[in-house]
Amino acid sequence: MNLMNMGGPMPDGSRAQDFWVDVSDFVCASGAELSQASSLFKWGVSGKLCLTKTSLVMLPYEGVMLEIVKKLASHLRNTILGPYADMAEALEKLGLYPKGPAVLDKLMVWPLVALDEDAQSKELSFLGIRGGAQLIIKVNGEAYYFNMATQGRAAAGFACAQEFRDHINRLRPR
């Protein structure tokens, strides 16, 4: 088994929580801000959004964001995972490997089998200037919005919202 760290440094110099996955399961990654997912997220949670063949994983940036996610972990575990709420078992089934047991309370996982419908993306613009986009997924009737780069604006080696959408829709079990 050949493992890679999905976390680590980001182009802006921030650092995402370390998390290991089999190289053959990794699809793409990008910096993202999770927002507007229920009343809990009136502000955004920034991190690295990673797509594997079976799930979306949000690795929060280290520091204050990591502490916020730890406080939301139990709610998120039940809301996002639903019937997959036993994190350790679900992560193992998804082919994801935490660096240590504490990591399980510091990340968010959306199994692709739990998505209610195909992922969507919406380009954002301000006064006609485009530059950002939202990746939108729905799980258990709840919409999750990931603000990220749009096509042609993503940093080298990172995916844009439209690429995530296309990969998710291709991988999502029907």
C-alpha atoms as a PDB file:
ATOM      1  CA  MET A   1       0.000   0.000   0.000  1.00  0.00           C
ATOM      2  CA  ASN A   2       1.409   3.395  -1.027  1.00  0.00           C
ATOM      3  CA  LEU A   3       0.107   6.210   1.233  1.00  0.00           C
ATOM      4  CA  MET A   4       0.179   9.969   0.602  1.00  0.00           C
ATOM      5  CA  ASN A   5      -0.565  12.897   2.891  1.00  0.00           C
ATOM      6  CA  MET A   6      -3.640  14.791   1.630  1.00  0.00           C
ATOM      7  CA  GLY A   7      -2.986  17.627   4.110  1.00  0.00           C
ATOM      8  CA  GLY A   8       0.134  19.719   4.430  1.00  0.00           C
ATOM      9  CA  PRO A   9       1.094  23.099   2.943  1.00  0.00           C
ATOM     10  CA  MET A  10      -1.227  25.179   0.770  1.00  0.00           C
ATOM     11  CA  PRO A  11      -0.243  27.745  -1.903  1.00  0.00           C
ATOM     12  CA  ASP A  12      -1.105  30.655   0.440  1.00  0.00           C
ATOM     13  CA  GLY A  13       1.329  29.370   3.090  1.00  0.00           C
ATOM     14  CA  SER A  14      -1.309  27.970   5.454  1.00  0.00           C
ATOM     15  CA  ARG A  15      -1.152  24.348   6.536  1.00  0.00           C
ATOM     16  CA  ALA A  16      -3.989  21.804   6.440  1.00  0.00           C
ATOM     17  CA  GLN A  17      -4.440  18.979   8.924  1.00  0.00           C
ATOM     18  CA  ASP A  18      -2.341  15.913   8.006  1.00  0.00           C
ATOM     19  CA  PHE A  19      -4.316  12.919   6.754  1.00  0.00           C
ATOM     20  CA  TRP A  20      -3.193   9.838   4.848  1.00  0.00           C
ATOM     21  CA  VAL A  21      -4.859   8.047   1.931  1.00  0.00           C
ATOM     22  CA  ASP A  22      -3.809   5.363  -0.521  1.00  0.00           C
ATOM     23  CA  VAL A  23      -2.366   7.074  -3.614  1.00  0.00           C
ATOM     24  CA  SER A  24      -4.633   5.053  -5.923  1.00  0.00           C
ATOM     25  CA  ASP A  25      -7.744   6.433  -4.130  1.00  0.00           C
ATOM     26  CA  PHE A  26      -6.791  10.130  -4.384  1.00  0.00           C
ATOM     27  CA  VAL A  27      -8.543  12.139  -7.134  1.00  0.00           C
ATOM     28  CA  CYS A  28      -7.981  15.889  -6.517  1.00  0.00           C
ATOM     29  CA  ALA A  29      -7.732  18.634  -3.881  1.00  0.00           C
ATOM     30  CA  SER A  30      -8.112  22.386  -3.440  1.00  0.00           C
ATOM     31  CA  GLY A  31      -8.417  25.073  -0.808  1.00  0.00           C
ATOM     32  CA  ALA A  32     -12.066  25.737   0.064  1.00  0.00           C
ATOM     33  CA  GLU A  33     -14.341  27.487   2.506  1.00  0.00           C
ATOM     34  CA  LEU A  34     -17.391  25.594   3.753  1.00  0.00           C
ATOM     35  CA  SER A  35     -20.322  27.928   4.308  1.00  0.00           C
ATOM     36  CA  GLN A  36     -24.102  28.089   4.644  1.00  0.00           C
ATOM     37  CA  ALA A  37     -24.511  24.477   5.722  1.00  0.00           C
ATOM     38  CA  SER A  38     -27.372  24.875   8.193  1.00  0.00           C
ATOM     39  CA  SER A  39     -27.452  27.630  10.770  1.00  0.00           C
ATOM     40  CA  LEU A  40     -24.114  26.469  12.209  1.00  0.00           C
ATOM     41  CA  PHE A  41     -22.149  27.969   9.326  1.00  0.00           C
ATOM     42  CA  LYS A  42     -23.020  31.664   9.125  1.00  0.00           C
ATOM     43  CA  TRP A  43     -19.233  32.102   8.849  1.00  0.00           C
ATOM     44  CA  GLY A  44     -16.915  29.875   6.868  1.00  0.00           C
ATOM     45  CA  VAL A  45     -14.643  27.007   7.831  1.00  0.00           C
ATOM     46  CA  SER A  46     -11.498  27.143   5.689  1.00  0.00           C
ATOM     47  CA  GLY A  47      -9.536  24.065   4.787  1.00  0.00           C
ATOM     48  CA  LYS A  48      -8.346  21.733   2.096  1.00  0.00           C
ATOM     49  CA  LEU A  49     -11.118  19.883   0.284  1.00  0.00           C
ATOM     50  CA  CYS A  50      -9.938  16.497  -0.992  1.00  0.00           C
ATOM     51  CA  LEU A  51     -11.767  14.032  -3.204  1.00  0.00           C
ATOM     52  CA  THR A  52     -11.075  10.317  -3.068  1.00  0.00           C
ATOM     53  CA  LYS A  53     -12.810   7.657  -5.135  1.00  0.00           C
ATOM     54  CA  THR A  54     -15.396   7.219  -2.355  1.00  0.00           C
ATOM     55  CA  SER A  55     -15.662  10.480  -0.383  1.00  0.00           C
ATOM     56  CA  LEU A  56     -15.102  14.202   0.014  1.00  0.00           C
ATOM     57  CA  VAL A  57     -12.845  15.053   2.968  1.00  0.00           C
ATOM     58  CA  MET A  58     -12.470  18.554   4.412  1.00  0.00           C
ATOM     59  CA  LEU A  59      -9.179  18.965   6.261  1.00  0.00           C
ATOM     60  CA  PRO A  60      -9.307  22.175   8.320  1.00  0.00           C
ATOM     61  CA  TYR A  61      -6.372  24.557   8.376  1.00  0.00           C
ATOM     62  CA  GLU A  62      -4.284  24.252  11.510  1.00  0.00           C
ATOM     63  CA  GLY A  63      -4.778  26.770  14.326  1.00  0.00           C
ATOM     64  CA  VAL A  64      -8.107  28.349  15.285  1.00  0.00           C
ATOM     65  CA  MET A  65     -10.059  26.644  12.471  1.00  0.00           C
ATOM     66  CA  LEU A  66      -8.986  23.257  13.794  1.00  0.00           C
ATOM     67  CA  GLU A  67     -10.403  24.119  17.230  1.00  0.00           C
ATOM     68  CA  ILE A  68     -13.708  25.270  15.701  1.00  0.00           C
ATOM     69  CA  VAL A  69     -14.068  22.015  13.745  1.00  0.00           C
ATOM     70  CA  LYS A  70     -13.341  19.979  16.882  1.00  0.00           C
ATOM     71  CA  LYS A  71     -16.262  21.717  18.618  1.00  0.00           C
ATOM     72  CA  LEU A  72     -18.590  20.975  15.682  1.00  0.00           C
ATOM     73  CA  ALA A  73     -17.378  17.398  15.164  1.00  0.00           C
ATOM     74  CA  SER A  74     -20.172  15.511  16.931  1.00  0.00           C
ATOM     75  CA  HIS A  75     -22.910  17.497  15.162  1.00  0.00           C
ATOM     76  CA  LEU A  76     -21.179  17.169  11.803  1.00  0.00           C
ATOM     77  CA  ARG A  77     -20.528  13.475  12.289  1.00  0.00           C
ATOM     78  CA  ASN A  78     -24.262  12.796  12.657  1.00  0.00           C
ATOM     79  CA  THR A  79     -25.464  15.322  10.051  1.00  0.00           C
ATOM     80  CA  ILE A  80     -22.973  14.517   7.296  1.00  0.00           C
ATOM     81  CA  LEU A  81     -22.455  10.816   7.822  1.00  0.00           C
ATOM     82  CA  GLY A  82     -25.961   9.859   8.931  1.00  0.00           C
ATOM     83  CA  PRO A  83     -25.929   6.058   8.861  1.00  0.00           C
ATOM     84  CA  TYR A  84     -22.127   6.163   8.504  1.00  0.00           C
ATOM     85  CA  ALA A  85     -21.664   7.966  11.843  1.00  0.00           C
ATOM     86  CA  ASP A  86     -19.179   5.460  13.236  1.00  0.00           C
ATOM     87  CA  MET A  87     -16.210   7.458  11.938  1.00  0.00           C
ATOM     88  CA  ALA A  88     -13.417   4.948  12.499  1.00  0.00           C
ATOM     89  CA  GLU A  89     -15.228   2.140  10.718  1.00  0.00           C
ATOM     90  CA  ALA A  90     -16.488   4.419   7.923  1.00  0.00           C
ATOM     91  CA  LEU A  91     -13.035   5.866   7.280  1.00  0.00           C
ATOM     92  CA  GLU A  92     -11.495   2.423   7.109  1.00  0.00           C
ATOM     93  CA  LYS A  93     -14.162   1.327   4.602  1.00  0.00           C
ATOM     94  CA  LEU A  94     -13.468   4.458   2.549  1.00  0.00           C
ATOM     95  CA  GLY A  95      -9.751   3.658   2.401  1.00  0.00           C
ATOM     96  CA  LEU A  96      -8.736   6.625   4.567  1.00  0.00           C
ATOM     97  CA  TYR A  97      -6.131   6.334   7.296  1.00  0.00           C
ATOM     98  CA  PRO A  98      -5.819   8.863  10.139  1.00  0.00           C
ATOM     99  CA  LYS A  99      -2.327   9.680  11.380  1.00  0.00           C
ATOM    100  CA  GLY A 100      -3.592   9.197  14.937  1.00  0.00           C
ATOM    101  CA  PRO A 101      -6.952   8.606  16.636  1.00  0.00           C
ATOM    102  CA  ALA A 102      -7.364  12.325  17.496  1.00  0.00           C
ATOM    103  CA  VAL A 103      -7.641  13.149  13.785  1.00  0.00           C
ATOM    104  CA  LEU A 104     -11.124  11.611  13.683  1.00  0.00           C
ATOM    105  CA  ASP A 105     -12.501  14.624  15.577  1.00  0.00           C
ATOM    106  CA  LYS A 106     -10.750  17.165  13.341  1.00  0.00           C
ATOM    107  CA  LEU A 107     -12.125  16.506   9.874  1.00  0.00           C
ATOM    108  CA  MET A 108     -15.361  16.275   7.943  1.00  0.00           C
ATOM    109  CA  VAL A 109     -16.242  13.412   5.587  1.00  0.00           C
ATOM    110  CA  TRP A 110     -19.031  13.209   3.011  1.00  0.00           C
ATOM    111  CA  PRO A 111     -19.254   9.654   1.552  1.00  0.00           C
ATOM    112  CA  LEU A 112     -20.221   9.865  -2.124  1.00  0.00           C
ATOM    113  CA  VAL A 113     -22.857   7.165  -1.549  1.00  0.00           C
ATOM    114  CA  ALA A 114     -24.624   9.566   0.856  1.00  0.00           C
ATOM    115  CA  LEU A 115     -25.096  12.359  -1.733  1.00  0.00           C
ATOM    116  CA  ASP A 116     -28.767  12.962  -2.541  1.00  0.00           C
ATOM    117  CA  GLU A 117     -28.103  14.132  -6.097  1.00  0.00           C
ATOM    118  CA  ASP A 118     -25.356  15.106  -8.514  1.00  0.00           C
ATOM    119  CA  ALA A 119     -22.957  17.831  -7.378  1.00  0.00           C
ATOM    120  CA  GLN A 120     -23.422  21.294  -8.865  1.00  0.00           C
ATOM    121  CA  SER A 121     -21.184  24.301  -9.358  1.00  0.00           C
ATOM    122  CA  LYS A 122     -22.035  27.957  -9.663  1.00  0.00           C
ATOM    123  CA  GLU A 123     -19.651  30.654 -10.835  1.00  0.00           C
ATOM    124  CA  LEU A 124     -19.509  33.732  -8.628  1.00  0.00           C
ATOM    125  CA  SER A 125     -18.857  37.259  -9.846  1.00  0.00           C
ATOM    126  CA  PHE A 126     -18.832  40.759  -8.449  1.00  0.00           C
ATOM    127  CA  LEU A 127     -19.523  43.675 -10.797  1.00  0.00           C
ATOM    128  CA  GLY A 128     -18.870  41.388 -13.747  1.00  0.00           C
ATOM    129  CA  ILE A 129     -15.489  40.201 -12.421  1.00  0.00           C
ATOM    130  CA  ARG A 130     -15.400  36.447 -12.088  1.00  0.00           C
ATOM    131  CA  GLY A 131     -12.909  34.531 -10.028  1.00  0.00           C
ATOM    132  CA  GLY A 132     -14.653  32.286  -7.577  1.00  0.00           C
ATOM    133  CA  ALA A 133     -17.141  29.456  -7.696  1.00  0.00           C
ATOM    134  CA  GLN A 134     -19.210  27.326  -5.373  1.00  0.00           C
ATOM    135  CA  LEU A 135     -19.250  23.559  -5.340  1.00  0.00           C
ATOM    136  CA  ILE A 136     -22.660  22.478  -4.027  1.00  0.00           C
ATOM    137  CA  ILE A 137     -23.482  19.028  -2.674  1.00  0.00           C
ATOM    138  CA  LYS A 138     -26.607  17.775  -0.907  1.00  0.00           C
ATOM    139  CA  VAL A 139     -26.528  15.116   1.800  1.00  0.00           C
ATOM    140  CA  ASN A 140     -29.535  14.043   3.896  1.00  0.00           C
ATOM    141  CA  GLY A 141     -31.512  17.019   2.533  1.00  0.00           C
ATOM    142  CA  GLU A 142     -28.820  19.499   3.688  1.00  0.00           C
ATOM    143  CA  ALA A 143     -26.906  21.648   1.170  1.00  0.00           C
ATOM    144  CA  TYR A 144     -23.179  22.240   1.652  1.00  0.00           C
ATOM    145  CA  TYR A 145     -21.449  25.086  -0.231  1.00  0.00           C
ATOM    146  CA  PHE A 146     -17.700  25.082  -0.817  1.00  0.00           C
ATOM    147  CA  ASN A 147     -16.316  28.418  -2.025  1.00  0.00           C
ATOM    148  CA  MET A 148     -13.249  27.831  -4.164  1.00  0.00           C
ATOM    149  CA  ALA A 149     -11.499  28.863  -7.379  1.00  0.00           C
ATOM    150  CA  THR A 150     -13.328  28.766 -10.677  1.00  0.00           C
ATOM    151  CA  GLN A 151     -12.033  27.219 -13.884  1.00  0.00           C
ATOM    152  CA  GLY A 152      -8.794  28.849 -15.027  1.00  0.00           C
ATOM    153  CA  ARG A 153      -8.162  30.470 -11.619  1.00  0.00           C
ATOM    154  CA  ALA A 154      -7.023  27.490  -9.500  1.00  0.00           C
ATOM    155  CA  ALA A 155      -3.405  27.331  -8.293  1.00  0.00           C
ATOM    156  CA  ALA A 156      -1.153  24.865 -10.099  1.00  0.00           C
ATOM    157  CA  GLY A 157      -1.751  21.324  -8.872  1.00  0.00           C
ATOM    158  CA  PHE A 158      -5.144  22.202  -7.338  1.00  0.00           C
ATOM    159  CA  ALA A 159      -8.599  21.583  -8.809  1.00  0.00           C
ATOM    160  CA  CYS A 160     -11.351  24.152  -9.426  1.00  0.00           C
ATOM    161  CA  ALA A 161     -15.017  23.810  -8.416  1.00  0.00           C
ATOM    162  CA  GLN A 162     -16.059  22.605 -11.875  1.00  0.00           C
ATOM    163  CA  GLU A 163     -13.406  19.829 -11.857  1.00  0.00           C
ATOM    164  CA  PHE A 164     -14.610  18.676  -8.432  1.00  0.00           C
ATOM    165  CA  ARG A 165     -18.207  18.666  -9.706  1.00  0.00           C
ATOM    166  CA  ASP A 166     -17.317  16.591 -12.766  1.00  0.00           C
ATOM    167  CA  HIS A 167     -15.242  14.066 -10.770  1.00  0.00           C
ATOM    168  CA  ILE A 168     -17.917  13.701  -8.064  1.00  0.00           C
ATOM    169  CA  ASN A 169     -20.673  13.126 -10.616  1.00  0.00           C
ATOM    170  CA  ARG A 170     -18.542  10.538 -12.407  1.00  0.00           C
ATOM    171  CA  LEU A 171     -17.666   8.690  -9.167  1.00  0.00           C
ATOM    172  CA  ARG A 172     -21.006   8.968  -7.333  1.00  0.00           C
ATOM    173  CA  PRO A 173     -22.823   5.624  -7.179  1.00  0.00           C
ATOM    174  CA  ARG A 174     -26.227   5.744  -8.858  1.00  0.00           C
END
